[in-house]
Amino acid sequence: MSPELPKKDSCCEELWYFLGEGKLPLQYSPRLHKIEIQSKANEWVQELNYCPFCGSDWRNNLEGRWFEEVARLGINGDYLEILKKAPERLRSSEWWKAQGGGK
């Protein structure tokens, strides 16, 4: 996951700031357009359904659409195998931006 969330894709200044600051365990996945909290020891990850700063709804992430696109291409296996087999465009935000956006 990348801490880089384009400001135009952020729901609020605070989320954009704290993701870029890197001082909180918040992460942004450009590939799935979602935010998560990750433990310091990388033992667990919790997806956030709402922005912790402004309350915006983040339940409309793209995980389901991403797996549909992977299945449409006939790519299968466990999660890591799928990531290795997936075309480069499916490893970034390129795939959903080409389809007209995420939120």
C-alpha atoms as a PDB file:
ATOM      1  CA  MET A   1       0.000   0.000   0.000  1.00  0.00           C
ATOM      2  CA  SER A   2       1.102   3.484  -0.704  1.00  0.00           C
ATOM      3  CA  PRO A   3       0.636   6.475   1.602  1.00  0.00           C
ATOM      4  CA  GLU A   4       0.133   8.613  -1.488  1.00  0.00           C
ATOM      5  CA  LEU A   5      -3.472   9.581  -1.964  1.00  0.00           C
ATOM      6  CA  PRO A   6      -3.957  12.256  -4.630  1.00  0.00           C
ATOM      7  CA  LYS A   7      -5.490  15.275  -2.944  1.00  0.00           C
ATOM      8  CA  LYS A   8      -8.342  15.312  -5.483  1.00  0.00           C
ATOM      9  CA  ASP A   9      -9.251  11.713  -4.492  1.00  0.00           C
ATOM     10  CA  SER A  10      -9.217  12.450  -0.755  1.00  0.00           C
ATOM     11  CA  CYS A  11     -12.450  13.143   1.106  1.00  0.00           C
ATOM     12  CA  CYS A  12     -10.853  15.756   3.381  1.00  0.00           C
ATOM     13  CA  GLU A  13      -7.685  17.711   4.071  1.00  0.00           C
ATOM     14  CA  GLU A  14      -7.009  15.790   7.287  1.00  0.00           C
ATOM     15  CA  LEU A  15      -7.007  12.357   5.648  1.00  0.00           C
ATOM     16  CA  TRP A  16      -4.773  13.593   2.843  1.00  0.00           C
ATOM     17  CA  TYR A  17      -2.405  15.204   5.353  1.00  0.00           C
ATOM     18  CA  PHE A  18      -2.121  12.247   7.745  1.00  0.00           C
ATOM     19  CA  LEU A  19      -1.654   9.688   4.963  1.00  0.00           C
ATOM     20  CA  GLY A  20       1.193  11.789   3.586  1.00  0.00           C
ATOM     21  CA  GLU A  21       2.667  12.456   7.022  1.00  0.00           C
ATOM     22  CA  GLY A  22       3.082   8.743   7.762  1.00  0.00           C
ATOM     23  CA  LYS A  23       2.818   9.218  11.537  1.00  0.00           C
ATOM     24  CA  LEU A  24      -0.442   7.287  11.867  1.00  0.00           C
ATOM     25  CA  PRO A  25      -0.841   3.633  10.846  1.00  0.00           C
ATOM     26  CA  LEU A  26      -3.174   4.653   7.997  1.00  0.00           C
ATOM     27  CA  GLN A  27      -2.566   3.323   4.516  1.00  0.00           C
ATOM     28  CA  TYR A  28      -4.127   3.992   1.142  1.00  0.00           C
ATOM     29  CA  SER A  29      -4.346   1.366  -1.587  1.00  0.00           C
ATOM     30  CA  PRO A  30      -4.408   3.035  -5.007  1.00  0.00           C
ATOM     31  CA  ARG A  31      -5.212  -0.326  -6.622  1.00  0.00           C
ATOM     32  CA  LEU A  32      -8.383  -0.810  -4.571  1.00  0.00           C
ATOM     33  CA  HIS A  33      -9.058   2.828  -3.613  1.00  0.00           C
ATOM     34  CA  LYS A  34      -9.450   2.063   0.080  1.00  0.00           C
ATOM     35  CA  ILE A  35      -7.980   3.132   3.395  1.00  0.00           C
ATOM     36  CA  GLU A  36      -6.824   0.813   6.161  1.00  0.00           C
ATOM     37  CA  ILE A  37      -5.190   0.788   9.573  1.00  0.00           C
ATOM     38  CA  GLN A  38      -2.263  -1.619   9.923  1.00  0.00           C
ATOM     39  CA  SER A  39      -0.715  -2.752  13.198  1.00  0.00           C
ATOM     40  CA  LYS A  40       2.900  -1.755  13.828  1.00  0.00           C
ATOM     41  CA  ALA A  41       4.007  -5.382  13.737  1.00  0.00           C
ATOM     42  CA  ASN A  42       2.025  -6.055  10.535  1.00  0.00           C
ATOM     43  CA  GLU A  43      -0.006  -8.660  12.404  1.00  0.00           C
ATOM     44  CA  TRP A  44      -3.377  -7.335  11.269  1.00  0.00           C
ATOM     45  CA  VAL A  45      -5.060  -4.875   8.930  1.00  0.00           C
ATOM     46  CA  GLN A  46      -8.463  -3.262   9.419  1.00  0.00           C
ATOM     47  CA  GLU A  47     -10.242  -1.705   6.469  1.00  0.00           C
ATOM     48  CA  LEU A  48     -11.909   1.602   7.300  1.00  0.00           C
ATOM     49  CA  ASN A  49     -15.478   2.027   6.103  1.00  0.00           C
ATOM     50  CA  TYR A  50     -15.571   5.690   7.091  1.00  0.00           C
ATOM     51  CA  CYS A  51     -12.958   8.413   7.194  1.00  0.00           C
ATOM     52  CA  PRO A  52     -11.784   8.817  10.807  1.00  0.00           C
ATOM     53  CA  PHE A  53     -11.604  12.594  10.343  1.00  0.00           C
ATOM     54  CA  CYS A  54     -14.713  13.677   8.432  1.00  0.00           C
ATOM     55  CA  GLY A  55     -16.906  10.562   8.463  1.00  0.00           C
ATOM     56  CA  SER A  56     -17.072  10.189   4.658  1.00  0.00           C
ATOM     57  CA  ASP A  57     -18.222   6.796   3.432  1.00  0.00           C
ATOM     58  CA  TRP A  58     -15.338   4.672   2.095  1.00  0.00           C
ATOM     59  CA  ARG A  59     -17.348   1.454   1.764  1.00  0.00           C
ATOM     60  CA  ASN A  60     -17.382   1.922  -2.000  1.00  0.00           C
ATOM     61  CA  ASN A  61     -13.843   0.627  -2.411  1.00  0.00           C
ATOM     62  CA  LEU A  62     -12.990  -1.303  -5.537  1.00  0.00           C
ATOM     63  CA  GLU A  63     -12.005  -4.692  -4.161  1.00  0.00           C
ATOM     64  CA  GLY A  64     -15.092  -6.470  -5.543  1.00  0.00           C
ATOM     65  CA  ARG A  65     -14.691  -4.853  -8.967  1.00  0.00           C
ATOM     66  CA  TRP A  66     -10.971  -5.728  -8.979  1.00  0.00           C
ATOM     67  CA  PHE A  67     -11.688  -9.423  -8.339  1.00  0.00           C
ATOM     68  CA  GLU A  68     -14.405  -9.379 -11.033  1.00  0.00           C
ATOM     69  CA  GLU A  69     -11.886  -7.959 -13.513  1.00  0.00           C
ATOM     70  CA  VAL A  70      -9.316 -10.602 -12.521  1.00  0.00           C
ATOM     71  CA  ALA A  71     -11.908 -13.383 -12.980  1.00  0.00           C
ATOM     72  CA  ARG A  72     -12.969 -11.942 -16.342  1.00  0.00           C
ATOM     73  CA  LEU A  73      -9.344 -12.271 -17.469  1.00  0.00           C
ATOM     74  CA  GLY A  74      -9.276 -15.909 -16.283  1.00  0.00           C
ATOM     75  CA  ILE A  75      -6.649 -15.286 -13.600  1.00  0.00           C
ATOM     76  CA  ASN A  76      -7.003 -17.494 -10.538  1.00  0.00           C
ATOM     77  CA  GLY A  77      -5.072 -18.769  -7.539  1.00  0.00           C
ATOM     78  CA  ASP A  78      -4.484 -17.413  -4.077  1.00  0.00           C
ATOM     79  CA  TYR A  79      -4.184 -13.669  -3.558  1.00  0.00           C
ATOM     80  CA  LEU A  80      -0.402 -13.477  -4.001  1.00  0.00           C
ATOM     81  CA  GLU A  81      -0.500 -15.671  -7.120  1.00  0.00           C
ATOM     82  CA  ILE A  82      -3.205 -13.449  -8.607  1.00  0.00           C
ATOM     83  CA  LEU A  83      -1.116 -10.331  -7.951  1.00  0.00           C
ATOM     84  CA  LYS A  84       1.875 -11.931  -9.688  1.00  0.00           C
ATOM     85  CA  LYS A  85      -0.197 -13.016 -12.712  1.00  0.00           C
ATOM     86  CA  ALA A  86      -2.235  -9.821 -13.050  1.00  0.00           C
ATOM     87  CA  PRO A  87      -1.276  -7.391 -15.818  1.00  0.00           C
ATOM     88  CA  GLU A  88       0.581  -4.275 -14.699  1.00  0.00           C
ATOM     89  CA  ARG A  89      -2.495  -2.054 -15.152  1.00  0.00           C
ATOM     90  CA  LEU A  90      -4.317  -4.084 -12.449  1.00  0.00           C
ATOM     91  CA  ARG A  91      -1.533  -3.438  -9.937  1.00  0.00           C
ATOM     92  CA  SER A  92      -2.206   0.290  -9.743  1.00  0.00           C
ATOM     93  CA  SER A  93      -5.084   2.738  -9.977  1.00  0.00           C
ATOM     94  CA  GLU A  94      -4.797   2.683 -13.781  1.00  0.00           C
ATOM     95  CA  TRP A  95      -7.495   0.018 -14.251  1.00  0.00           C
ATOM     96  CA  TRP A  96     -10.282   1.834 -12.379  1.00  0.00           C
ATOM     97  CA  LYS A  97      -9.374   5.298 -13.606  1.00  0.00           C
ATOM     98  CA  ALA A  98      -9.630   3.974 -17.188  1.00  0.00           C
ATOM     99  CA  GLN A  99     -13.177   2.801 -16.348  1.00  0.00           C
ATOM    100  CA  GLY A 100     -14.269   6.224 -15.187  1.00  0.00           C
ATOM    101  CA  GLY A 101     -13.212   6.477 -11.576  1.00  0.00           C
ATOM    102  CA  GLY A 102     -13.736   4.863  -8.245  1.00  0.00           C
ATOM    103  CA  LYS A 103     -15.937   6.764  -5.860  1.00  0.00           C
END
